[in-house]
């Protein structure tokens, strides 16, 4: 998505303020990856900076890194005219950035669990669908194929069922324990 300022050759900058007071100057196109921030920009609420009380500087810098990479990798409308469709990678030239983005995403989510969960919360708060999908899929992959005991161990969850309650649940839902 190009703003009028970007089309005129100058890049409009937006200031984001993290919950711990750090300020980040980023291009408007990068900020617009967030639907939450996009609405604030469209409503002219971004002139004095956008406070993000739910996102600290460590996580915000990761979110910005993700958004920058995805803006750089997205096809520009001028590149291939009306045929600029991000989902149709017919040429090898177009497939290369998609592979690059895929490997970036795979590396991006190789973080500790606390950071991953904070990224999920930030992606949800900022309404960045791609980042939310990526981080949630990463957690889903961590769960896939594991027993309830393994899942509890992975996520440090205390089993609050009595042995009798657990036996009853296993009896009522045998499909979940196959």
N, C-alpha and C. Protein backbone atom coordinates (compact mmCIF):
# COMPACT_ATOMS: atom_id res chain seq x y z
N UNK A 1 0.85 -1.18 0.00
CA UNK A 1 0.00 0.00 0.00
C UNK A 1 0.89 1.24 0.00
N UNK A 2 0.75 2.06 -0.99
CA UNK A 2 1.56 3.27 -1.09
C UNK A 2 0.75 4.47 -0.64
N UNK A 3 1.36 5.30 0.17
CA UNK A 3 0.70 6.55 0.53
C UNK A 3 1.05 7.58 -0.53
N UNK A 4 0.34 8.70 -0.52
CA UNK A 4 0.63 9.74 -1.51
C UNK A 4 2.04 10.27 -1.31
N UNK A 5 2.50 10.38 -0.08
CA UNK A 5 3.84 10.88 0.19
C UNK A 5 4.89 9.95 -0.41
N UNK A 6 4.66 8.64 -0.33
CA UNK A 6 5.61 7.68 -0.88
C UNK A 6 5.64 7.77 -2.40
N UNK A 7 4.50 8.05 -3.01
CA UNK A 7 4.45 8.16 -4.46
C UNK A 7 5.18 9.41 -4.94
N UNK A 8 5.24 10.43 -4.09
CA UNK A 8 5.92 11.67 -4.46
C UNK A 8 7.42 11.55 -4.25
N UNK A 9 7.90 10.40 -3.80
CA UNK A 9 9.33 10.18 -3.65
C UNK A 9 9.85 10.39 -2.24
N UNK A 10 9.06 11.00 -1.37
CA UNK A 10 9.52 11.18 0.00
C UNK A 10 8.78 10.18 0.88
N UNK A 11 9.50 9.65 1.85
CA UNK A 11 8.90 8.65 2.72
C UNK A 11 8.44 9.30 4.01
N UNK A 12 7.16 9.21 4.28
CA UNK A 12 6.60 9.78 5.50
C UNK A 12 6.99 8.88 6.67
N UNK A 13 7.44 9.50 7.75
CA UNK A 13 7.86 8.74 8.92
C UNK A 13 6.80 8.84 10.02
N UNK A 14 6.68 7.76 10.78
CA UNK A 14 5.74 7.67 11.89
C UNK A 14 6.55 7.33 13.14
N UNK A 15 6.18 7.93 14.26
CA UNK A 15 6.85 7.61 15.53
C UNK A 15 5.95 6.70 16.35
N UNK A 16 6.52 5.56 16.76
CA UNK A 16 5.82 4.64 17.65
C UNK A 16 6.49 4.72 19.01
N UNK A 17 5.67 4.77 20.06
CA UNK A 17 6.20 4.86 21.43
C UNK A 17 5.86 3.58 22.19
N UNK A 18 6.90 2.86 22.60
CA UNK A 18 6.69 1.61 23.32
C UNK A 18 6.23 1.87 24.75
N UNK A 19 5.77 0.81 25.42
CA UNK A 19 5.26 0.94 26.79
C UNK A 19 6.35 1.38 27.76
N UNK A 20 7.62 1.10 27.44
CA UNK A 20 8.72 1.51 28.33
C UNK A 20 9.37 2.81 27.87
N UNK A 21 8.65 3.57 27.04
CA UNK A 21 9.06 4.93 26.70
C UNK A 21 10.01 5.10 25.53
N UNK A 22 10.43 4.00 24.91
CA UNK A 22 11.34 4.13 23.77
C UNK A 22 10.55 4.55 22.52
N UNK A 23 11.16 5.40 21.70
CA UNK A 23 10.51 5.86 20.47
C UNK A 23 11.19 5.24 19.26
N UNK A 24 10.38 4.84 18.29
CA UNK A 24 10.87 4.23 17.06
C UNK A 24 10.35 5.04 15.88
N UNK A 25 11.25 5.52 15.03
CA UNK A 25 10.88 6.23 13.80
C UNK A 25 10.85 5.20 12.68
N UNK A 26 9.69 4.99 12.08
CA UNK A 26 9.60 4.03 10.98
C UNK A 26 8.82 4.63 9.82
N UNK A 27 9.05 4.07 8.64
CA UNK A 27 8.33 4.53 7.46
C UNK A 27 6.85 4.21 7.62
N UNK A 28 6.02 5.10 7.10
CA UNK A 28 4.58 4.91 7.19
C UNK A 28 4.15 3.58 6.57
N UNK A 29 4.76 3.20 5.46
CA UNK A 29 4.40 1.93 4.79
C UNK A 29 4.63 0.74 5.72
N UNK A 30 5.68 0.80 6.53
CA UNK A 30 5.97 -0.27 7.48
C UNK A 30 4.93 -0.25 8.60
N UNK A 31 4.63 0.94 9.11
CA UNK A 31 3.63 1.08 10.18
C UNK A 31 2.26 0.60 9.73
N UNK A 32 1.95 0.78 8.44
CA UNK A 32 0.64 0.42 7.90
C UNK A 32 0.41 -1.10 7.84
N UNK A 33 1.45 -1.90 8.09
CA UNK A 33 1.27 -3.35 8.19
C UNK A 33 0.34 -3.68 9.35
N UNK A 34 0.32 -2.81 10.34
CA UNK A 34 -0.57 -2.97 11.49
C UNK A 34 -1.90 -2.28 11.18
N UNK A 35 -2.99 -3.04 11.23
CA UNK A 35 -4.31 -2.45 10.98
C UNK A 35 -4.66 -1.44 12.07
N UNK A 36 -4.23 -1.69 13.29
CA UNK A 36 -4.49 -0.76 14.40
C UNK A 36 -3.83 0.58 14.11
N UNK A 37 -2.56 0.55 13.73
CA UNK A 37 -1.83 1.79 13.44
C UNK A 37 -2.36 2.42 12.16
N UNK A 38 -2.69 1.61 11.16
CA UNK A 38 -3.26 2.12 9.91
C UNK A 38 -4.49 2.98 10.19
N UNK A 39 -5.38 2.49 11.06
CA UNK A 39 -6.60 3.25 11.39
C UNK A 39 -6.25 4.56 12.10
N UNK A 40 -5.24 4.53 12.95
CA UNK A 40 -4.83 5.76 13.65
C UNK A 40 -4.27 6.77 12.65
N UNK A 41 -3.49 6.29 11.68
CA UNK A 41 -2.93 7.17 10.65
C UNK A 41 -4.07 7.75 9.80
N UNK A 42 -4.99 6.89 9.38
CA UNK A 42 -6.11 7.33 8.55
C UNK A 42 -7.01 8.32 9.29
N UNK A 43 -7.07 8.20 10.61
CA UNK A 43 -7.89 9.12 11.42
C UNK A 43 -7.09 10.33 11.89
N UNK A 44 -5.91 10.53 11.31
CA UNK A 44 -5.02 11.66 11.66
C UNK A 44 -4.67 11.71 13.14
N UNK A 45 -4.42 10.55 13.72
CA UNK A 45 -4.06 10.49 15.14
C UNK A 45 -2.58 10.15 15.33
N UNK A 46 -1.78 10.27 14.26
CA UNK A 46 -0.39 9.83 14.33
C UNK A 46 0.62 10.97 14.35
N UNK A 47 0.15 12.21 14.33
CA UNK A 47 1.06 13.34 14.19
C UNK A 47 2.04 13.50 15.35
N UNK A 48 1.61 13.21 16.56
CA UNK A 48 2.49 13.36 17.73
C UNK A 48 3.06 12.03 18.21
N UNK A 49 3.07 11.06 17.34
CA UNK A 49 3.55 9.74 17.73
C UNK A 49 2.38 8.88 18.19
N UNK A 50 2.57 7.58 18.07
CA UNK A 50 1.51 6.65 18.45
C UNK A 50 1.97 5.87 19.67
N UNK A 51 1.30 6.07 20.81
CA UNK A 51 1.67 5.32 22.01
C UNK A 51 1.15 3.88 21.92
N UNK A 52 1.99 2.93 22.27
CA UNK A 52 1.60 1.52 22.26
C UNK A 52 1.80 0.97 23.67
N UNK A 53 0.82 1.21 24.55
CA UNK A 53 0.98 0.85 25.97
C UNK A 53 1.08 -0.65 26.23
N UNK A 54 0.72 -1.48 25.26
CA UNK A 54 0.75 -2.93 25.47
C UNK A 54 1.99 -3.60 24.87
N UNK A 55 2.93 -2.81 24.31
CA UNK A 55 4.08 -3.41 23.63
C UNK A 55 5.37 -2.75 24.13
N UNK A 56 6.28 -3.55 24.71
CA UNK A 56 7.55 -2.98 25.17
C UNK A 56 8.54 -2.86 24.01
N UNK A 57 9.65 -2.18 24.26
CA UNK A 57 10.59 -1.87 23.17
C UNK A 57 11.23 -3.12 22.58
N UNK A 58 11.50 -4.13 23.40
CA UNK A 58 12.12 -5.37 22.90
C UNK A 58 11.20 -6.03 21.86
N UNK A 59 9.93 -6.13 22.19
CA UNK A 59 8.97 -6.78 21.29
C UNK A 59 8.65 -5.87 20.11
N UNK A 60 8.51 -4.57 20.35
CA UNK A 60 8.21 -3.64 19.27
C UNK A 60 9.32 -3.65 18.22
N UNK A 61 10.57 -3.75 18.64
CA UNK A 61 11.66 -3.78 17.66
C UNK A 61 11.58 -5.05 16.81
N UNK A 62 11.16 -6.18 17.42
CA UNK A 62 10.98 -7.42 16.65
C UNK A 62 9.81 -7.28 15.67
N UNK A 63 8.72 -6.68 16.13
CA UNK A 63 7.54 -6.47 15.27
C UNK A 63 7.92 -5.58 14.08
N UNK A 64 8.69 -4.53 14.34
CA UNK A 64 9.12 -3.62 13.27
C UNK A 64 10.01 -4.37 12.28
N UNK A 65 10.91 -5.21 12.79
CA UNK A 65 11.78 -6.02 11.93
C UNK A 65 10.93 -6.89 10.99
N UNK A 66 9.91 -7.53 11.54
CA UNK A 66 9.00 -8.37 10.75
C UNK A 66 8.29 -7.53 9.68
N UNK A 67 7.72 -6.40 10.09
CA UNK A 67 6.96 -5.56 9.16
C UNK A 67 7.85 -5.00 8.05
N UNK A 68 9.06 -4.57 8.39
CA UNK A 68 9.99 -4.05 7.38
C UNK A 68 10.28 -5.10 6.32
N UNK A 69 10.58 -6.31 6.78
CA UNK A 69 10.92 -7.40 5.85
C UNK A 69 9.73 -7.71 4.94
N UNK A 70 8.55 -7.72 5.50
CA UNK A 70 7.36 -8.05 4.71
C UNK A 70 6.98 -6.93 3.74
N UNK A 71 7.24 -5.69 4.11
CA UNK A 71 7.00 -4.57 3.19
C UNK A 71 8.01 -4.62 2.05
N UNK A 72 9.28 -4.88 2.37
CA UNK A 72 10.32 -4.97 1.33
C UNK A 72 10.03 -6.11 0.36
N UNK A 73 9.51 -7.21 0.87
CA UNK A 73 9.29 -8.40 0.04
C UNK A 73 7.99 -8.36 -0.75
N UNK A 74 7.06 -7.48 -0.36
CA UNK A 74 5.78 -7.45 -1.06
C UNK A 74 5.96 -6.82 -2.44
N UNK A 75 5.26 -7.37 -3.45
CA UNK A 75 5.40 -6.82 -4.80
C UNK A 75 4.87 -5.40 -4.88
N UNK A 76 5.60 -4.55 -5.55
CA UNK A 76 5.18 -3.16 -5.74
C UNK A 76 4.24 -3.11 -6.93
N UNK A 77 3.13 -2.37 -6.85
CA UNK A 77 2.18 -2.29 -7.96
C UNK A 77 2.84 -1.88 -9.28
N UNK A 78 3.86 -1.04 -9.23
CA UNK A 78 4.52 -0.56 -10.45
C UNK A 78 5.36 -1.66 -11.11
N UNK A 79 5.78 -2.67 -10.33
CA UNK A 79 6.66 -3.71 -10.86
C UNK A 79 6.04 -4.50 -12.00
N UNK A 80 4.80 -4.93 -11.80
CA UNK A 80 4.19 -5.77 -12.83
C UNK A 80 2.77 -5.33 -13.17
N UNK A 81 2.50 -4.07 -12.97
CA UNK A 81 1.20 -3.52 -13.36
C UNK A 81 0.05 -4.16 -12.62
N UNK A 82 -1.04 -4.40 -13.33
CA UNK A 82 -2.26 -4.94 -12.72
C UNK A 82 -2.09 -6.39 -12.31
N UNK A 83 -1.05 -7.06 -12.83
CA UNK A 83 -0.86 -8.48 -12.54
C UNK A 83 -0.11 -8.71 -11.22
N UNK A 84 0.10 -7.67 -10.44
CA UNK A 84 0.81 -7.82 -9.17
C UNK A 84 -0.08 -8.53 -8.16
N UNK A 85 0.01 -9.84 -8.14
CA UNK A 85 -0.79 -10.64 -7.23
C UNK A 85 0.17 -11.45 -6.37
N UNK A 86 0.21 -11.15 -5.07
CA UNK A 86 1.18 -11.78 -4.17
C UNK A 86 1.04 -13.30 -4.11
N UNK A 87 -0.14 -13.82 -4.44
CA UNK A 87 -0.33 -15.26 -4.32
C UNK A 87 0.01 -16.01 -5.60
N UNK A 88 0.26 -15.32 -6.70
CA UNK A 88 0.59 -16.03 -7.94
C UNK A 88 2.06 -15.83 -8.29
N UNK A 89 2.88 -16.76 -7.84
CA UNK A 89 4.31 -16.70 -8.13
C UNK A 89 4.58 -17.61 -9.33
N UNK A 90 4.44 -17.05 -10.52
CA UNK A 90 4.61 -17.86 -11.72
C UNK A 90 6.05 -17.87 -12.21
N UNK A 91 6.75 -16.76 -12.05
CA UNK A 91 8.14 -16.73 -12.52
C UNK A 91 9.09 -17.07 -11.39
N UNK A 92 10.28 -17.52 -11.74
CA UNK A 92 11.27 -17.85 -10.72
C UNK A 92 11.76 -16.58 -10.03
N UNK A 93 11.71 -15.46 -10.71
CA UNK A 93 12.11 -14.19 -10.11
C UNK A 93 11.17 -13.82 -8.96
N UNK A 94 9.89 -14.11 -9.13
CA UNK A 94 8.92 -13.81 -8.08
C UNK A 94 8.98 -14.87 -6.97
N UNK A 95 9.38 -16.09 -7.31
CA UNK A 95 9.43 -17.16 -6.32
C UNK A 95 10.59 -16.96 -5.34
N UNK A 96 11.67 -16.35 -5.79
CA UNK A 96 12.84 -16.14 -4.93
C UNK A 96 12.50 -15.30 -3.69
N UNK A 97 11.83 -14.13 -3.84
CA UNK A 97 11.48 -13.37 -2.64
C UNK A 97 10.54 -14.15 -1.72
N UNK A 98 9.67 -14.96 -2.28
CA UNK A 98 8.74 -15.74 -1.46
C UNK A 98 9.52 -16.75 -0.62
N UNK A 99 10.51 -17.40 -1.22
CA UNK A 99 11.35 -18.35 -0.48
C UNK A 99 12.17 -17.63 0.57
N UNK A 100 12.68 -16.45 0.21
CA UNK A 100 13.46 -15.63 1.14
C UNK A 100 12.61 -15.26 2.35
N UNK A 101 11.37 -14.88 2.09
CA UNK A 101 10.44 -14.50 3.15
C UNK A 101 10.11 -15.70 4.04
N UNK A 102 9.94 -16.86 3.41
CA UNK A 102 9.64 -18.07 4.15
C UNK A 102 10.78 -18.41 5.12
N UNK A 103 12.02 -18.30 4.64
CA UNK A 103 13.15 -18.61 5.51
C UNK A 103 13.31 -17.53 6.58
N UNK A 104 13.03 -16.27 6.23
CA UNK A 104 13.05 -15.19 7.24
C UNK A 104 12.05 -15.50 8.35
N UNK A 105 10.81 -15.85 7.95
CA UNK A 105 9.76 -16.15 8.93
C UNK A 105 10.17 -17.32 9.83
N UNK A 106 10.76 -18.37 9.23
CA UNK A 106 11.18 -19.54 10.00
C UNK A 106 12.23 -19.16 11.04
N UNK A 107 13.17 -18.31 10.66
CA UNK A 107 14.20 -17.85 11.60
C UNK A 107 13.62 -16.88 12.63
N UNK A 108 12.68 -16.05 12.19
CA UNK A 108 12.09 -15.01 13.04
C UNK A 108 11.45 -15.60 14.29
N UNK A 109 10.81 -16.76 14.16
CA UNK A 109 10.09 -17.34 15.30
C UNK A 109 10.96 -18.28 16.14
N UNK A 110 12.25 -18.35 15.83
CA UNK A 110 13.17 -19.13 16.67
C UNK A 110 13.60 -18.28 17.86
N UNK A 111 12.66 -18.10 18.77
CA UNK A 111 12.88 -17.27 19.96
C UNK A 111 12.41 -18.05 21.18
N UNK A 112 12.76 -17.55 22.36
CA UNK A 112 12.29 -18.23 23.57
C UNK A 112 10.77 -18.09 23.68
N UNK A 113 10.21 -18.97 24.51
CA UNK A 113 8.75 -19.04 24.63
C UNK A 113 8.12 -17.72 25.08
N UNK A 114 8.74 -17.05 26.03
CA UNK A 114 8.18 -15.78 26.54
C UNK A 114 8.11 -14.75 25.42
N UNK A 115 9.17 -14.68 24.61
CA UNK A 115 9.20 -13.73 23.48
C UNK A 115 8.12 -14.10 22.47
N UNK A 116 7.99 -15.40 22.18
CA UNK A 116 6.98 -15.86 21.23
C UNK A 116 5.58 -15.46 21.70
N UNK A 117 5.29 -15.66 22.97
CA UNK A 117 3.96 -15.30 23.49
C UNK A 117 3.76 -13.79 23.47
N UNK A 118 4.82 -13.03 23.77
CA UNK A 118 4.72 -11.57 23.70
C UNK A 118 4.49 -11.10 22.27
N UNK A 119 5.11 -11.80 21.30
CA UNK A 119 4.89 -11.47 19.88
C UNK A 119 3.44 -11.74 19.49
N UNK A 120 2.87 -12.83 20.00
CA UNK A 120 1.46 -13.14 19.73
C UNK A 120 0.57 -12.02 20.27
N UNK A 121 0.82 -11.62 21.50
CA UNK A 121 0.01 -10.55 22.11
C UNK A 121 0.15 -9.25 21.33
N UNK A 122 1.38 -8.92 20.92
CA UNK A 122 1.61 -7.68 20.16
C UNK A 122 0.94 -7.76 18.80
N UNK A 123 1.07 -8.89 18.11
CA UNK A 123 0.47 -9.06 16.79
C UNK A 123 -1.05 -8.94 16.88
N UNK A 124 -1.62 -9.48 17.95
CA UNK A 124 -3.06 -9.39 18.15
C UNK A 124 -3.47 -7.94 18.44
N UNK A 125 -2.77 -7.29 19.36
CA UNK A 125 -3.07 -5.90 19.73
C UNK A 125 -2.91 -4.96 18.54
N UNK A 126 -1.84 -5.17 17.76
CA UNK A 126 -1.56 -4.30 16.62
C UNK A 126 -2.32 -4.73 15.36
N UNK A 127 -2.99 -5.88 15.43
CA UNK A 127 -3.75 -6.42 14.31
C UNK A 127 -2.87 -6.57 13.07
N UNK A 128 -1.83 -7.40 13.21
CA UNK A 128 -0.95 -7.74 12.10
C UNK A 128 -1.20 -9.22 11.80
N UNK A 129 -2.12 -9.48 10.88
CA UNK A 129 -2.59 -10.84 10.62
C UNK A 129 -1.47 -11.81 10.30
N UNK A 130 -0.57 -11.42 9.41
CA UNK A 130 0.52 -12.32 9.01
C UNK A 130 1.38 -12.74 10.18
N UNK A 131 1.71 -11.80 11.05
CA UNK A 131 2.53 -12.09 12.23
C UNK A 131 1.75 -12.93 13.23
N UNK A 132 0.48 -12.63 13.41
CA UNK A 132 -0.35 -13.41 14.32
C UNK A 132 -0.47 -14.85 13.83
N UNK A 133 -0.71 -15.03 12.53
CA UNK A 133 -0.80 -16.38 11.96
C UNK A 133 0.51 -17.13 12.15
N UNK A 134 1.63 -16.46 11.86
CA UNK A 134 2.95 -17.09 11.96
C UNK A 134 3.25 -17.53 13.39
N UNK A 135 3.02 -16.65 14.36
CA UNK A 135 3.35 -16.98 15.75
C UNK A 135 2.40 -18.02 16.33
N UNK A 136 1.13 -17.93 16.00
CA UNK A 136 0.17 -18.94 16.48
C UNK A 136 0.45 -20.30 15.86
N UNK A 137 0.82 -20.32 14.58
CA UNK A 137 1.16 -21.58 13.93
C UNK A 137 2.39 -22.21 14.59
N UNK A 138 3.32 -21.38 15.01
CA UNK A 138 4.52 -21.87 15.70
C UNK A 138 4.14 -22.56 17.00
N UNK A 139 3.22 -21.97 17.75
CA UNK A 139 2.76 -22.59 19.00
C UNK A 139 1.99 -23.87 18.69
N UNK A 140 1.15 -23.84 17.65
CA UNK A 140 0.40 -25.04 17.26
C UNK A 140 1.36 -26.18 16.90
N UNK A 141 2.45 -25.83 16.20
CA UNK A 141 3.45 -26.85 15.84
C UNK A 141 4.16 -27.41 17.07
N UNK A 142 4.29 -26.59 18.11
CA UNK A 142 4.91 -27.05 19.36
C UNK A 142 4.01 -28.06 20.08
N UNK A 143 2.71 -27.98 19.85
CA UNK A 143 1.73 -28.84 20.51
C UNK A 143 1.47 -30.12 19.72
N UNK A 144 1.52 -29.97 18.38
CA UNK A 144 1.14 -31.06 17.48
C UNK A 144 1.85 -32.38 17.82
N UNK A 145 1.06 -33.45 17.95
CA UNK A 145 1.61 -34.78 18.15
C UNK A 145 2.08 -35.07 19.57
N UNK A 146 1.82 -34.17 20.50
CA UNK A 146 2.27 -34.38 21.88
C UNK A 146 1.14 -34.88 22.76
N UNK A 147 1.51 -35.62 23.78
CA UNK A 147 0.53 -36.07 24.76
C UNK A 147 0.21 -34.89 25.68
N UNK A 148 -0.91 -34.98 26.42
CA UNK A 148 -1.21 -33.90 27.36
C UNK A 148 -0.06 -33.65 28.35
N UNK A 149 0.60 -34.73 28.78
CA UNK A 149 1.72 -34.58 29.72
C UNK A 149 2.87 -33.81 29.07
N UNK A 150 3.18 -34.13 27.81
CA UNK A 150 4.26 -33.43 27.10
C UNK A 150 3.92 -31.96 26.89
N UNK A 151 2.65 -31.68 26.60
CA UNK A 151 2.22 -30.29 26.41
C UNK A 151 2.35 -29.53 27.73
N UNK A 152 1.94 -30.16 28.83
CA UNK A 152 2.07 -29.51 30.14
C UNK A 152 3.53 -29.18 30.42
N UNK A 153 4.42 -30.13 30.10
CA UNK A 153 5.85 -29.92 30.35
C UNK A 153 6.39 -28.79 29.46
N UNK A 154 6.02 -28.79 28.18
CA UNK A 154 6.49 -27.77 27.24
C UNK A 154 6.10 -26.37 27.69
N UNK A 155 4.87 -26.22 28.15
CA UNK A 155 4.36 -24.89 28.50
C UNK A 155 4.30 -24.64 30.01
N UNK A 156 4.90 -25.55 30.78
CA UNK A 156 4.97 -25.40 32.23
C UNK A 156 3.58 -25.21 32.84
N UNK A 157 2.67 -26.12 32.47
CA UNK A 157 1.28 -26.06 32.94
C UNK A 157 1.10 -27.11 34.03
N UNK A 158 0.55 -26.69 35.15
CA UNK A 158 0.29 -27.60 36.26
C UNK A 158 -0.98 -28.40 35.96
N UNK A 159 -0.92 -29.70 36.19
CA UNK A 159 -2.10 -30.55 36.02
C UNK A 159 -2.98 -30.37 37.25
N UNK A 160 -4.14 -29.74 37.06
CA UNK A 160 -5.02 -29.50 38.20
C UNK A 160 -6.19 -30.50 38.26
N UNK A 161 -6.09 -31.59 37.48
CA UNK A 161 -7.11 -32.63 37.54
C UNK A 161 -6.72 -33.67 38.59
N UNK A 162 -7.72 -34.17 39.31
CA UNK A 162 -7.46 -35.31 40.18
C UNK A 162 -7.32 -36.52 39.26
N UNK A 163 -6.69 -37.60 39.72
CA UNK A 163 -6.58 -38.80 38.87
C UNK A 163 -7.95 -39.29 38.40
N UNK A 164 -8.97 -39.15 39.26
CA UNK A 164 -10.32 -39.59 38.90
C UNK A 164 -10.89 -38.72 37.77
N UNK A 165 -10.71 -37.38 37.89
CA UNK A 165 -11.21 -36.47 36.85
C UNK A 165 -10.51 -36.74 35.51
N UNK A 166 -9.22 -36.97 35.58
CA UNK A 166 -8.46 -37.23 34.34
C UNK A 166 -8.92 -38.54 33.69
N UNK A 167 -9.16 -39.56 34.50
CA UNK A 167 -9.64 -40.84 33.98
C UNK A 167 -11.00 -40.67 33.30
N UNK A 168 -11.87 -39.87 33.92
CA UNK A 168 -13.20 -39.62 33.35
C UNK A 168 -13.08 -38.89 32.00
N UNK A 169 -12.21 -37.88 31.93
CA UNK A 169 -12.01 -37.14 30.68
C UNK A 169 -11.48 -38.07 29.60
N UNK A 170 -10.53 -38.93 29.95
CA UNK A 170 -9.98 -39.88 28.97
C UNK A 170 -11.07 -40.84 28.48
N UNK A 171 -11.96 -41.23 29.38
CA UNK A 171 -13.05 -42.15 29.02
C UNK A 171 -14.05 -41.46 28.10
N UNK A 172 -14.37 -40.18 28.38
CA UNK A 172 -15.36 -39.43 27.59
C UNK A 172 -14.81 -38.95 26.24
N UNK A 173 -13.50 -38.81 26.13
CA UNK A 173 -12.87 -38.27 24.91
C UNK A 173 -11.70 -39.12 24.44
N UNK A 174 -11.96 -40.39 24.15
CA UNK A 174 -10.83 -41.26 23.78
C UNK A 174 -10.09 -40.79 22.51
N UNK A 175 -10.79 -40.12 21.62
CA UNK A 175 -10.19 -39.63 20.38
C UNK A 175 -9.05 -38.65 20.64
N UNK A 176 -9.13 -37.92 21.74
CA UNK A 176 -8.11 -36.90 22.04
C UNK A 176 -6.82 -37.51 22.56
N UNK A 177 -6.86 -38.79 22.90
CA UNK A 177 -5.67 -39.41 23.50
C UNK A 177 -5.10 -40.50 22.61
N UNK A 178 -5.52 -40.53 21.34
CA UNK A 178 -5.03 -41.56 20.40
C UNK A 178 -3.65 -41.21 19.89
